[in-house]
Amino acid sequence: MNRLKRLLSYFGNAFIYYVLAFCLKSYILNKVIGQLFTDTNSFFSLVLVKNNGAAFNLFAGFQDWLVIFAIAIILAITVYLSMKKLYISENFLMMLSLFSAGIAGNAIERYTLGYVEDFIKINLFNFPVFNLNDIMITVGAVTIALAVINDKRREIQENKDAEDDLIYGD
């Protein structure tokens, strides 16, 4: 996949993920919250919390810096994807898009509202309220990390196999 196609796919997918999450969040906040899923005996409930920080409300009051950090991450991914001789699978590109869409979604809320609207609460254990962008960031980050670890493991095995071929012949 050439650089232009790779970048268009990345930004296109990220935009689609962002729009889908935004529409679902808007529906939940406008139509559902307070009417359904507020039973604390259920697995989860929907409650609106204004988060002035990042994860677990860390860095509260530093919204401008969090937005700048989000932009820096997306720019770094864009530069990475712009590299000439780079093979990236479609799945890996989709996970980068998912991750970036979540970061962009939270950054846009921080910039426009001054906070992030969290609304998903897990009732089974004490866990901070989160939103769809947080889910996209987490799923994207975990799958990216697993893909990188798997690629490194495969590279190590291929090097070991090549070394064994040199030593023992094949």
C-alpha atoms as a PDB file:
ATOM      1  CA  MET A   1       0.000   0.000   0.000  1.00  0.00           C
ATOM      2  CA  ASN A   2       1.509   3.339  -0.978  1.00  0.00           C
ATOM      3  CA  ARG A   3       1.816   6.261   1.430  1.00  0.00           C
ATOM      4  CA  LEU A   4      -1.129   8.259   0.111  1.00  0.00           C
ATOM      5  CA  LYS A   5      -3.494   5.290   0.196  1.00  0.00           C
ATOM      6  CA  ARG A   6      -2.251   4.404   3.682  1.00  0.00           C
ATOM      7  CA  LEU A   7      -2.849   7.954   4.978  1.00  0.00           C
ATOM      8  CA  LEU A   8      -6.271   8.207   3.317  1.00  0.00           C
ATOM      9  CA  SER A   9      -7.278   4.871   4.823  1.00  0.00           C
ATOM     10  CA  TYR A  10      -6.001   5.927   8.262  1.00  0.00           C
ATOM     11  CA  PHE A  11      -7.785   9.284   8.305  1.00  0.00           C
ATOM     12  CA  GLY A  12     -10.900   7.898   6.589  1.00  0.00           C
ATOM     13  CA  ASN A  13     -11.279   5.086   9.098  1.00  0.00           C
ATOM     14  CA  ALA A  14     -10.541   7.408  12.028  1.00  0.00           C
ATOM     15  CA  PHE A  15     -13.182   9.843  10.794  1.00  0.00           C
ATOM     16  CA  ILE A  16     -15.775   7.073  10.451  1.00  0.00           C
ATOM     17  CA  TYR A  17     -14.994   5.747  13.955  1.00  0.00           C
ATOM     18  CA  TYR A  18     -15.189   9.268  15.386  1.00  0.00           C
ATOM     19  CA  VAL A  19     -18.538  10.021  13.715  1.00  0.00           C
ATOM     20  CA  LEU A  20     -20.038   6.694  14.827  1.00  0.00           C
ATOM     21  CA  ALA A  21     -18.910   7.226  18.432  1.00  0.00           C
ATOM     22  CA  PHE A  22     -20.129  10.837  18.385  1.00  0.00           C
ATOM     23  CA  CYS A  23     -23.567   9.866  17.049  1.00  0.00           C
ATOM     24  CA  LEU A  24     -23.959   7.023  19.553  1.00  0.00           C
ATOM     25  CA  LYS A  25     -22.841   9.256  22.426  1.00  0.00           C
ATOM     26  CA  SER A  26     -25.232  11.998  21.325  1.00  0.00           C
ATOM     27  CA  TYR A  27     -28.099   9.529  21.187  1.00  0.00           C
ATOM     28  CA  ILE A  28     -27.270   8.133  24.612  1.00  0.00           C
ATOM     29  CA  LEU A  29     -26.899  11.549  26.237  1.00  0.00           C
ATOM     30  CA  ASN A  30     -30.018  12.992  24.611  1.00  0.00           C
ATOM     31  CA  LYS A  31     -32.437  10.057  24.630  1.00  0.00           C
ATOM     32  CA  VAL A  32     -31.369   7.316  26.997  1.00  0.00           C
ATOM     33  CA  ILE A  33     -29.419   8.638  29.961  1.00  0.00           C
ATOM     34  CA  GLY A  34     -31.583   9.034  33.041  1.00  0.00           C
ATOM     35  CA  GLN A  35     -34.364   6.941  31.511  1.00  0.00           C
ATOM     36  CA  LEU A  36     -32.773   3.529  31.080  1.00  0.00           C
ATOM     37  CA  PHE A  37     -29.814   1.646  32.516  1.00  0.00           C
ATOM     38  CA  THR A  38     -29.702   3.565  35.777  1.00  0.00           C
ATOM     39  CA  ASP A  39     -30.364   0.496  37.929  1.00  0.00           C
ATOM     40  CA  THR A  40     -27.278   0.002  40.096  1.00  0.00           C
ATOM     41  CA  ASN A  41     -28.063  -3.738  40.360  1.00  0.00           C
ATOM     42  CA  SER A  42     -27.309  -4.204  36.652  1.00  0.00           C
ATOM     43  CA  PHE A  43     -23.877  -4.799  35.122  1.00  0.00           C
ATOM     44  CA  PHE A  44     -23.555  -1.185  34.062  1.00  0.00           C
ATOM     45  CA  SER A  45     -25.457   2.071  34.230  1.00  0.00           C
ATOM     46  CA  LEU A  46     -25.409   5.312  32.298  1.00  0.00           C
ATOM     47  CA  VAL A  47     -24.583   8.414  34.321  1.00  0.00           C
ATOM     48  CA  LEU A  48     -23.159  11.701  33.085  1.00  0.00           C
ATOM     49  CA  VAL A  49     -19.857  12.783  34.626  1.00  0.00           C
ATOM     50  CA  LYS A  50     -17.864  15.806  33.499  1.00  0.00           C
ATOM     51  CA  ASN A  51     -14.211  14.762  33.509  1.00  0.00           C
ATOM     52  CA  ASN A  52     -11.810  17.720  33.657  1.00  0.00           C
ATOM     53  CA  GLY A  53      -8.712  15.537  33.389  1.00  0.00           C
ATOM     54  CA  ALA A  54      -7.488  12.486  31.538  1.00  0.00           C
ATOM     55  CA  ALA A  55      -7.820   8.855  32.644  1.00  0.00           C
ATOM     56  CA  PHE A  56      -9.042   8.582  36.229  1.00  0.00           C
ATOM     57  CA  ASN A  57      -9.339  12.402  36.192  1.00  0.00           C
ATOM     58  CA  LEU A  58      -5.545  12.770  36.183  1.00  0.00           C
ATOM     59  CA  PHE A  59      -4.174  16.139  35.076  1.00  0.00           C
ATOM     60  CA  ALA A  60      -7.438  17.923  35.900  1.00  0.00           C
ATOM     61  CA  GLY A  61      -7.206  21.553  34.909  1.00  0.00           C
ATOM     62  CA  PHE A  62      -4.658  20.899  32.157  1.00  0.00           C
ATOM     63  CA  GLN A  63      -7.138  20.625  29.274  1.00  0.00           C
ATOM     64  CA  ASP A  64      -4.991  22.739  26.917  1.00  0.00           C
ATOM     65  CA  TRP A  65      -1.957  20.522  27.488  1.00  0.00           C
ATOM     66  CA  LEU A  66      -4.040  17.375  27.038  1.00  0.00           C
ATOM     67  CA  VAL A  67      -5.309  18.704  23.680  1.00  0.00           C
ATOM     68  CA  ILE A  68      -1.748  19.555  22.599  1.00  0.00           C
ATOM     69  CA  PHE A  69      -0.585  16.086  23.667  1.00  0.00           C
ATOM     70  CA  ALA A  70      -3.421  14.479  21.662  1.00  0.00           C
ATOM     71  CA  ILE A  71      -2.470  16.491  18.569  1.00  0.00           C
ATOM     72  CA  ALA A  72       1.183  15.468  19.026  1.00  0.00           C
ATOM     73  CA  ILE A  73       0.234  11.775  19.178  1.00  0.00           C
ATOM     74  CA  ILE A  74      -1.872  11.999  16.017  1.00  0.00           C
ATOM     75  CA  LEU A  75       0.912  13.911  14.233  1.00  0.00           C
ATOM     76  CA  ALA A  76       3.461  11.284  15.312  1.00  0.00           C
ATOM     77  CA  ILE A  77       1.260   8.502  13.910  1.00  0.00           C
ATOM     78  CA  THR A  78       0.820  10.493  10.684  1.00  0.00           C
ATOM     79  CA  VAL A  79       4.592  10.907  10.310  1.00  0.00           C
ATOM     80  CA  TYR A  80       5.067   7.191  11.016  1.00  0.00           C
ATOM     81  CA  LEU A  81       2.518   6.299   8.336  1.00  0.00           C
ATOM     82  CA  SER A  82       4.216   8.683   5.881  1.00  0.00           C
ATOM     83  CA  MET A  83       7.470   6.737   5.933  1.00  0.00           C
ATOM     84  CA  LYS A  84       8.399   5.406   2.494  1.00  0.00           C
ATOM     85  CA  LYS A  85       9.243   1.743   2.949  1.00  0.00           C
ATOM     86  CA  LEU A  86       6.791   0.714   5.557  1.00  0.00           C
ATOM     87  CA  TYR A  87       4.550  -2.317   5.476  1.00  0.00           C
ATOM     88  CA  ILE A  88       1.454  -2.023   7.619  1.00  0.00           C
ATOM     89  CA  SER A  89      -1.346  -4.548   7.551  1.00  0.00           C
ATOM     90  CA  GLU A  90      -4.922  -3.362   7.102  1.00  0.00           C
ATOM     91  CA  ASN A  91      -5.767  -4.606  10.606  1.00  0.00           C
ATOM     92  CA  PHE A  92      -2.904  -2.667  12.174  1.00  0.00           C
ATOM     93  CA  LEU A  93      -3.932   0.442  10.245  1.00  0.00           C
ATOM     94  CA  MET A  94      -7.514   0.043  11.486  1.00  0.00           C
ATOM     95  CA  MET A  95      -6.294  -0.227  15.088  1.00  0.00           C
ATOM     96  CA  LEU A  96      -4.201   2.935  14.657  1.00  0.00           C
ATOM     97  CA  SER A  97      -7.319   4.639  13.270  1.00  0.00           C
ATOM     98  CA  LEU A  98      -9.440   3.431  16.183  1.00  0.00           C
ATOM     99  CA  PHE A  99      -6.841   4.630  18.695  1.00  0.00           C
ATOM    100  CA  SER A 100      -6.524   8.018  16.997  1.00  0.00           C
ATOM    101  CA  ALA A 101     -10.290   8.484  16.692  1.00  0.00           C
ATOM    102  CA  GLY A 102     -10.645   7.987  20.439  1.00  0.00           C
ATOM    103  CA  ILE A 103      -7.848  10.445  21.154  1.00  0.00           C
ATOM    104  CA  ALA A 104      -9.316  12.983  18.725  1.00  0.00           C
ATOM    105  CA  GLY A 105     -12.821  12.559  20.146  1.00  0.00           C
ATOM    106  CA  ASN A 106     -11.699  13.274  23.695  1.00  0.00           C
ATOM    107  CA  ALA A 107      -9.481  16.159  22.507  1.00  0.00           C
ATOM    108  CA  ILE A 108     -12.353  17.760  20.601  1.00  0.00           C
ATOM    109  CA  GLU A 109     -14.585  17.546  23.679  1.00  0.00           C
ATOM    110  CA  ARG A 110     -11.847  19.028  25.880  1.00  0.00           C
ATOM    111  CA  TYR A 111     -11.320  21.875  23.443  1.00  0.00           C
ATOM    112  CA  THR A 112     -15.010  22.673  22.837  1.00  0.00           C
ATOM    113  CA  LEU A 113     -16.534  21.904  26.250  1.00  0.00           C
ATOM    114  CA  GLY A 114     -13.552  22.238  28.579  1.00  0.00           C
ATOM    115  CA  TYR A 115     -14.141  18.669  29.806  1.00  0.00           C
ATOM    116  CA  VAL A 116     -14.917  15.168  28.548  1.00  0.00           C
ATOM    117  CA  GLU A 117     -18.384  13.692  28.983  1.00  0.00           C
ATOM    118  CA  ASP A 118     -18.029  10.251  30.565  1.00  0.00           C
ATOM    119  CA  PHE A 119     -21.217   8.222  30.931  1.00  0.00           C
ATOM    120  CA  ILE A 120     -20.577   4.456  31.163  1.00  0.00           C
ATOM    121  CA  LYS A 121     -20.361   3.158  34.723  1.00  0.00           C
ATOM    122  CA  ILE A 122     -19.501  -0.445  35.591  1.00  0.00           C
ATOM    123  CA  ASN A 123     -21.488  -1.438  38.685  1.00  0.00           C
ATOM    124  CA  LEU A 124     -19.795  -4.743  39.502  1.00  0.00           C
ATOM    125  CA  PHE A 125     -16.707  -3.056  40.921  1.00  0.00           C
ATOM    126  CA  ASN A 126     -15.497   0.423  41.694  1.00  0.00           C
ATOM    127  CA  PHE A 127     -14.191   1.719  38.376  1.00  0.00           C
ATOM    128  CA  PRO A 128     -14.178   5.278  37.027  1.00  0.00           C
ATOM    129  CA  VAL A 129     -16.915   6.319  34.628  1.00  0.00           C
ATOM    130  CA  PHE A 130     -15.710   6.318  31.003  1.00  0.00           C
ATOM    131  CA  ASN A 131     -16.946   6.967  27.465  1.00  0.00           C
ATOM    132  CA  LEU A 132     -16.848   5.450  23.984  1.00  0.00           C
ATOM    133  CA  ASN A 133     -13.655   7.330  23.072  1.00  0.00           C
ATOM    134  CA  ASP A 134     -11.943   5.752  26.080  1.00  0.00           C
ATOM    135  CA  ILE A 135     -13.022   2.324  24.820  1.00  0.00           C
ATOM    136  CA  MET A 136     -11.594   3.074  21.365  1.00  0.00           C
ATOM    137  CA  ILE A 137      -8.314   4.271  22.892  1.00  0.00           C
ATOM    138  CA  THR A 138      -8.019   1.193  25.108  1.00  0.00           C
ATOM    139  CA  VAL A 139      -8.949  -1.364  22.452  1.00  0.00           C
ATOM    140  CA  GLY A 140      -6.683   0.354  19.925  1.00  0.00           C
ATOM    141  CA  ALA A 141      -3.730   0.595  22.326  1.00  0.00           C
ATOM    142  CA  VAL A 142      -4.032  -3.017  23.525  1.00  0.00           C
ATOM    143  CA  THR A 143      -4.340  -4.458  20.022  1.00  0.00           C
ATOM    144  CA  ILE A 144      -1.454  -2.279  18.757  1.00  0.00           C
ATOM    145  CA  ALA A 145       0.719  -3.458  21.657  1.00  0.00           C
ATOM    146  CA  LEU A 146      -0.216  -7.103  21.028  1.00  0.00           C
ATOM    147  CA  ALA A 147       0.544  -6.733  17.319  1.00  0.00           C
ATOM    148  CA  VAL A 148       3.956  -5.184  18.033  1.00  0.00           C
ATOM    149  CA  ILE A 149       4.793  -7.923  20.563  1.00  0.00           C
ATOM    150  CA  ASN A 150       3.652 -10.606  18.120  1.00  0.00           C
ATOM    151  CA  ASP A 151       5.740  -9.084  15.301  1.00  0.00           C
ATOM    152  CA  LYS A 152       8.825  -8.934  17.546  1.00  0.00           C
ATOM    153  CA  ARG A 153       8.277 -12.533  18.636  1.00  0.00           C
ATOM    154  CA  ARG A 154       7.913 -13.611  14.997  1.00  0.00           C
ATOM    155  CA  GLU A 155      11.071 -11.657  14.059  1.00  0.00           C
ATOM    156  CA  ILE A 156      13.040 -13.302  16.876  1.00  0.00           C
ATOM    157  CA  GLN A 157      11.828 -16.751  15.790  1.00  0.00           C
ATOM    158  CA  GLU A 158      12.718 -16.066  12.153  1.00  0.00           C
ATOM    159  CA  ASN A 159      16.209 -14.923  13.186  1.00  0.00           C
ATOM    160  CA  LYS A 160      16.618 -18.021  15.335  1.00  0.00           C
ATOM    161  CA  ASP A 161      15.481 -20.252  12.463  1.00  0.00           C
ATOM    162  CA  ALA A 162      17.924 -18.523  10.081  1.00  0.00           C
ATOM    163  CA  GLU A 163      20.730 -18.941  12.616  1.00  0.00           C
ATOM    164  CA  ASP A 164      19.879 -22.634  13.040  1.00  0.00           C
ATOM    165  CA  ASP A 165      19.955 -23.046   9.249  1.00  0.00           C
ATOM    166  CA  LEU A 166      23.439 -21.521   9.162  1.00  0.00           C
ATOM    167  CA  ILE A 167      24.714 -23.714  11.972  1.00  0.00           C
ATOM    168  CA  TYR A 168      23.059 -27.012  11.127  1.00  0.00           C
ATOM    169  CA  GLY A 169      22.453 -26.531   7.418  1.00  0.00           C
ATOM    170  CA  ASP A 170      19.164 -27.072   5.744  1.00  0.00           C
END
